[in-house]
Structures are given as C-alpha cells and as structure tokens.
Amino acid sequence: MLIIRYYHKYDDLRLFDPITQEISKPIEAMNERPKTYGFFGTIGGVQFVLYRDQRLMLSIDGVNYVFGDLNVSTNTISHTVTDGRIDLVRYINIYCNDEVIFESEYNECGPYFEFDFTMYDVEDFDFGLFLDMFSKSKEKCEQLFND
C-alpha cells in the first residue's frame, strides 16, 4: 500500500494498492506528515493515479502505464469569466507508443485564479496540465516521489 494525495486537496491522504487499484477512504491525520508516493484525481470523469512503485507509473481507469512511455498534450478550447470565476475547457490526449490511450475534454473551474499567481503555476491546480508538463521532462519525472 502506498500513501497518495488528492491532487486538488493537500491534506486528503489515501492508501493506494497498485495491484488492485483500490483507493481507500481518507486516512486520519498523523502527527508527522508521511511521505507520499503519488497523486490521484479525475480528468473527464476518469480516475487517474500518478505514483512511484520502483518506476513512475500512471493508472488510467485501473490500467497501469509506465509514465516515461507516455506523451501527454493539453489544449485550451475555451475560457469564460462568470462572476469573477474563470472556467477553462481543455482537451487532453495521452499517447503510448504513438497510440491514443486516452482523450477527453475536461473542465477546470477557477476559484484558484483569485490567488496571486506569482507564487503558483497554473499546473499546480490543473492535473491535466501537470501530467502534460511532467511527460515532457525526464528530469522532473525522475525527481517526482523519489527519495
């Protein structure tokens, strides 16, 4: 079992079994912040888990892929501002060996755009963009969740 964190909520820790792909309910807060070995979230209604178990892996709806074999790309389709909120519609494509293994339109709603972005990057709040950025940097992939 690995401890993983919900991508959009820092203090939501769960246990993840890479074999069964099961994610537990939130685990109780501990005295010390435990080492986490991954993130989980949904994109286009599909469960994703990015985790390290010897290698950096990406589970898409229960199917595991070696993250280094993947190419992720995202495109912003539209964005609108409603009552001070920015709503983004993005499209994500994930390829493994030039074959599309996942593609979807997804929404990112932006209450986070109220924050001062001088300290944050947009991918800190958008799991699809995060996967896109990391798929293009072998160095970042090596460092992620590594001791």
Foldseek 3Di string as FASTA:
>chain_A
DFWEEELQDRQFIWDADLVQRDTHGGDDDDPDDDQGFWYWDDFQNWIWIFGDDPATWIATNNDIDRLLQKAKDKDWPDWDADPNKIKTKMWMFMDGPNHTPDIDIGIDIGPVVVDDCVPPDPCSNPVSVVSNVVNVDPVVRVVRSDD
